[in-house]
């Protein structure tokens, strides 16, 4: 009975090791994806700021004088 219990524990350990590796791989993938999304978010924020600055500059350039 002792051998069967040891074998059962070894099987459980093998499954846990596989699950741990799968979770580790998933965390690594999500970290890469998060880094890519942060970089994309920063780029979009810069583009939005540039577009806002350009819009603000052009809006003041075509302002109608107050006497009209």
N, C-alpha and C. Protein backbone atom coordinates (compact mmCIF):
# COMPACT_ATOMS: atom_id res chain seq x y z
N UNK A 1 0.82 -1.19 0.00
CA UNK A 1 0.00 0.00 0.00
C UNK A 1 0.86 1.25 0.00
N UNK A 2 2.03 1.20 0.57
CA UNK A 2 2.92 2.35 0.60
C UNK A 2 3.39 2.75 -0.79
N UNK A 3 3.66 1.74 -1.65
CA UNK A 3 4.10 2.04 -3.01
C UNK A 3 3.00 2.72 -3.82
N UNK A 4 1.77 2.27 -3.62
CA UNK A 4 0.66 2.87 -4.36
C UNK A 4 0.47 4.32 -3.95
N UNK A 5 0.64 4.58 -2.67
CA UNK A 5 0.48 5.96 -2.19
C UNK A 5 1.60 6.86 -2.73
N UNK A 6 2.80 6.36 -2.76
CA UNK A 6 3.92 7.12 -3.31
C UNK A 6 3.69 7.39 -4.80
N UNK A 7 3.22 6.37 -5.50
CA UNK A 7 2.94 6.56 -6.93
C UNK A 7 1.86 7.61 -7.15
N UNK A 8 0.81 7.58 -6.32
CA UNK A 8 -0.25 8.57 -6.41
C UNK A 8 0.29 9.98 -6.16
N UNK A 9 1.14 10.10 -5.17
CA UNK A 9 1.75 11.40 -4.87
C UNK A 9 2.63 11.88 -6.03
N UNK A 10 3.35 10.96 -6.64
CA UNK A 10 4.19 11.32 -7.78
C UNK A 10 3.35 11.79 -8.96
N UNK A 11 2.21 11.14 -9.19
CA UNK A 11 1.31 11.53 -10.27
C UNK A 11 0.75 12.92 -10.00
N UNK A 12 0.31 13.15 -8.76
CA UNK A 12 -0.22 14.47 -8.39
C UNK A 12 0.85 15.54 -8.55
N UNK A 13 2.07 15.23 -8.14
CA UNK A 13 3.17 16.18 -8.26
C UNK A 13 3.43 16.51 -9.73
N UNK A 14 3.39 15.50 -10.59
CA UNK A 14 3.62 15.74 -12.02
C UNK A 14 2.55 16.65 -12.59
N UNK A 15 1.29 16.44 -12.19
CA UNK A 15 0.20 17.30 -12.66
C UNK A 15 0.37 18.72 -12.14
N UNK A 16 0.75 18.85 -10.88
CA UNK A 16 0.95 20.19 -10.31
C UNK A 16 2.11 20.92 -10.98
N UNK A 17 3.18 20.20 -11.27
CA UNK A 17 4.31 20.81 -11.96
C UNK A 17 3.91 21.29 -13.36
N UNK A 18 3.12 20.50 -14.06
CA UNK A 18 2.65 20.90 -15.38
C UNK A 18 1.74 22.12 -15.28
N UNK A 19 0.83 22.12 -14.32
CA UNK A 19 -0.07 23.25 -14.13
C UNK A 19 0.73 24.52 -13.79
N UNK A 20 1.73 24.37 -12.94
CA UNK A 20 2.57 25.50 -12.56
C UNK A 20 3.29 26.06 -13.78
N UNK A 21 3.82 25.20 -14.63
CA UNK A 21 4.50 25.66 -15.84
C UNK A 21 3.55 26.38 -16.78
N UNK A 22 2.33 25.84 -16.93
CA UNK A 22 1.34 26.49 -17.79
C UNK A 22 0.97 27.87 -17.25
N UNK A 23 0.79 27.97 -15.94
CA UNK A 23 0.48 29.27 -15.33
C UNK A 23 1.64 30.25 -15.48
N UNK A 24 2.83 29.76 -15.32
CA UNK A 24 4.01 30.60 -15.48
C UNK A 24 4.12 31.13 -16.91
N UNK A 25 3.87 30.26 -17.87
CA UNK A 25 3.90 30.67 -19.27
C UNK A 25 2.83 31.72 -19.55
N UNK A 26 1.66 31.54 -18.98
CA UNK A 26 0.56 32.49 -19.18
C UNK A 26 0.89 33.85 -18.56
N UNK A 27 1.47 33.84 -17.38
CA UNK A 27 1.86 35.10 -16.74
C UNK A 27 2.90 35.82 -17.59
N UNK A 28 3.86 35.10 -18.11
CA UNK A 28 4.89 35.70 -18.96
C UNK A 28 4.26 36.30 -20.22
N UNK A 29 3.31 35.59 -20.83
CA UNK A 29 2.64 36.10 -22.02
C UNK A 29 1.86 37.36 -21.70
N UNK A 30 1.17 37.36 -20.57
CA UNK A 30 0.39 38.53 -20.18
C UNK A 30 1.29 39.73 -19.85
N UNK A 31 2.46 39.48 -19.29
CA UNK A 31 3.40 40.56 -19.01
C UNK A 31 3.89 41.20 -20.32
N UNK A 32 4.18 40.35 -21.31
CA UNK A 32 4.60 40.89 -22.62
C UNK A 32 3.47 41.71 -23.23
N UNK A 33 2.25 41.18 -23.18
CA UNK A 33 1.11 41.88 -23.75
C UNK A 33 0.86 43.20 -23.02
N UNK A 34 0.99 43.20 -21.71
CA UNK A 34 0.80 44.42 -20.93
C UNK A 34 1.84 45.47 -21.32
N UNK A 35 3.07 45.06 -21.52
CA UNK A 35 4.12 45.98 -21.95
C UNK A 35 3.80 46.58 -23.31
N UNK A 36 3.33 45.74 -24.23
CA UNK A 36 2.96 46.23 -25.56
C UNK A 36 1.78 47.20 -25.48
N UNK A 37 0.80 46.88 -24.66
CA UNK A 37 -0.37 47.75 -24.52
C UNK A 37 0.00 49.08 -23.86
N UNK A 38 0.90 49.06 -22.90
CA UNK A 38 1.35 50.31 -22.28
C UNK A 38 2.06 51.19 -23.30
N UNK A 39 2.91 50.58 -24.12
CA UNK A 39 3.62 51.34 -25.15
C UNK A 39 2.63 51.93 -26.15
N UNK A 40 1.64 51.15 -26.56
CA UNK A 40 0.62 51.63 -27.50
C UNK A 40 -0.20 52.76 -26.88
N UNK A 41 -0.53 52.61 -25.60
CA UNK A 41 -1.29 53.64 -24.90
C UNK A 41 -0.49 54.94 -24.83
N UNK A 42 0.78 54.85 -24.56
CA UNK A 42 1.63 56.04 -24.50
C UNK A 42 1.71 56.72 -25.87
N UNK A 43 1.84 55.94 -26.92
CA UNK A 43 1.89 56.48 -28.27
C UNK A 43 0.58 57.19 -28.62
N UNK A 44 -0.54 56.56 -28.29
CA UNK A 44 -1.84 57.17 -28.57
C UNK A 44 -2.04 58.46 -27.77
N UNK A 45 -1.57 58.48 -26.53
CA UNK A 45 -1.68 59.69 -25.72
C UNK A 45 -0.85 60.82 -26.33
N UNK A 46 0.33 60.49 -26.84
CA UNK A 46 1.17 61.50 -27.50
C UNK A 46 0.50 62.01 -28.77
N UNK A 47 -0.09 61.10 -29.55
CA UNK A 47 -0.76 61.51 -30.77
C UNK A 47 -1.98 62.38 -30.46
N UNK A 48 -2.71 62.04 -29.42
CA UNK A 48 -3.87 62.82 -29.02
C UNK A 48 -3.44 64.22 -28.57
N UNK A 49 -2.38 64.30 -27.80
CA UNK A 49 -1.88 65.60 -27.36
C UNK A 49 -1.43 66.44 -28.54
N UNK A 50 -0.76 65.82 -29.50
CA UNK A 50 -0.31 66.55 -30.68
C UNK A 50 -1.50 67.03 -31.51
N UNK A 51 -2.52 66.19 -31.64
CA UNK A 51 -3.71 66.58 -32.39
C UNK A 51 -4.44 67.71 -31.67
N UNK A 52 -4.49 67.65 -30.36
CA UNK A 52 -5.14 68.71 -29.58
C UNK A 52 -4.39 70.03 -29.74
N UNK A 53 -3.06 69.94 -29.68
CA UNK A 53 -2.26 71.16 -29.85
C UNK A 53 -2.45 71.75 -31.24
N UNK A 54 -2.50 70.92 -32.25
CA UNK A 54 -2.69 71.41 -33.62
C UNK A 54 -4.07 72.02 -33.79
N UNK A 55 -5.08 71.41 -33.19
CA UNK A 55 -6.44 71.92 -33.28
C UNK A 55 -6.55 73.25 -32.55
N UNK A 56 -5.96 73.35 -31.40
CA UNK A 56 -6.01 74.59 -30.63
C UNK A 56 -5.30 75.71 -31.38
N UNK A 57 -4.19 75.41 -32.01
CA UNK A 57 -3.45 76.42 -32.75
C UNK A 57 -4.23 76.89 -33.97
N UNK A 58 -4.86 75.98 -34.69
CA UNK A 58 -5.61 76.37 -35.88
C UNK A 58 -6.90 77.08 -35.52
N UNK A 59 -7.49 76.78 -34.38
CA UNK A 59 -8.74 77.45 -33.97
C UNK A 59 -8.47 78.91 -33.64
N UNK A 60 -7.35 79.21 -33.06
CA UNK A 60 -7.05 80.62 -32.73
C UNK A 60 -6.61 81.36 -33.98
N UNK A 61 -6.09 80.67 -34.97
CA UNK A 61 -5.62 81.33 -36.19
C UNK A 61 -6.78 81.83 -37.06
N UNK A 62 -7.95 81.18 -36.99
CA UNK A 62 -9.08 81.59 -37.85
C UNK A 62 -10.21 82.24 -37.04
N UNK A 63 -9.86 82.74 -35.88
CA UNK A 63 -10.87 83.39 -35.05
C UNK A 63 -11.35 84.68 -35.70
N UNK A 64 -12.65 84.90 -35.72
CA UNK A 64 -13.23 86.11 -36.31
C UNK A 64 -13.08 87.26 -35.33
N UNK A 65 -12.65 88.41 -35.81
CA UNK A 65 -12.50 89.55 -34.91
C UNK A 65 -13.84 89.89 -34.23
N UNK A 66 -13.82 90.47 -33.05
CA UNK A 66 -15.04 90.72 -32.30
C UNK A 66 -15.98 91.75 -32.91
N UNK A 67 -15.52 92.60 -33.83
CA UNK A 67 -16.40 93.63 -34.37
C UNK A 67 -17.32 93.12 -35.46
N UNK A 68 -17.23 91.85 -35.84
CA UNK A 68 -18.15 91.32 -36.85
C UNK A 68 -19.42 90.90 -36.24
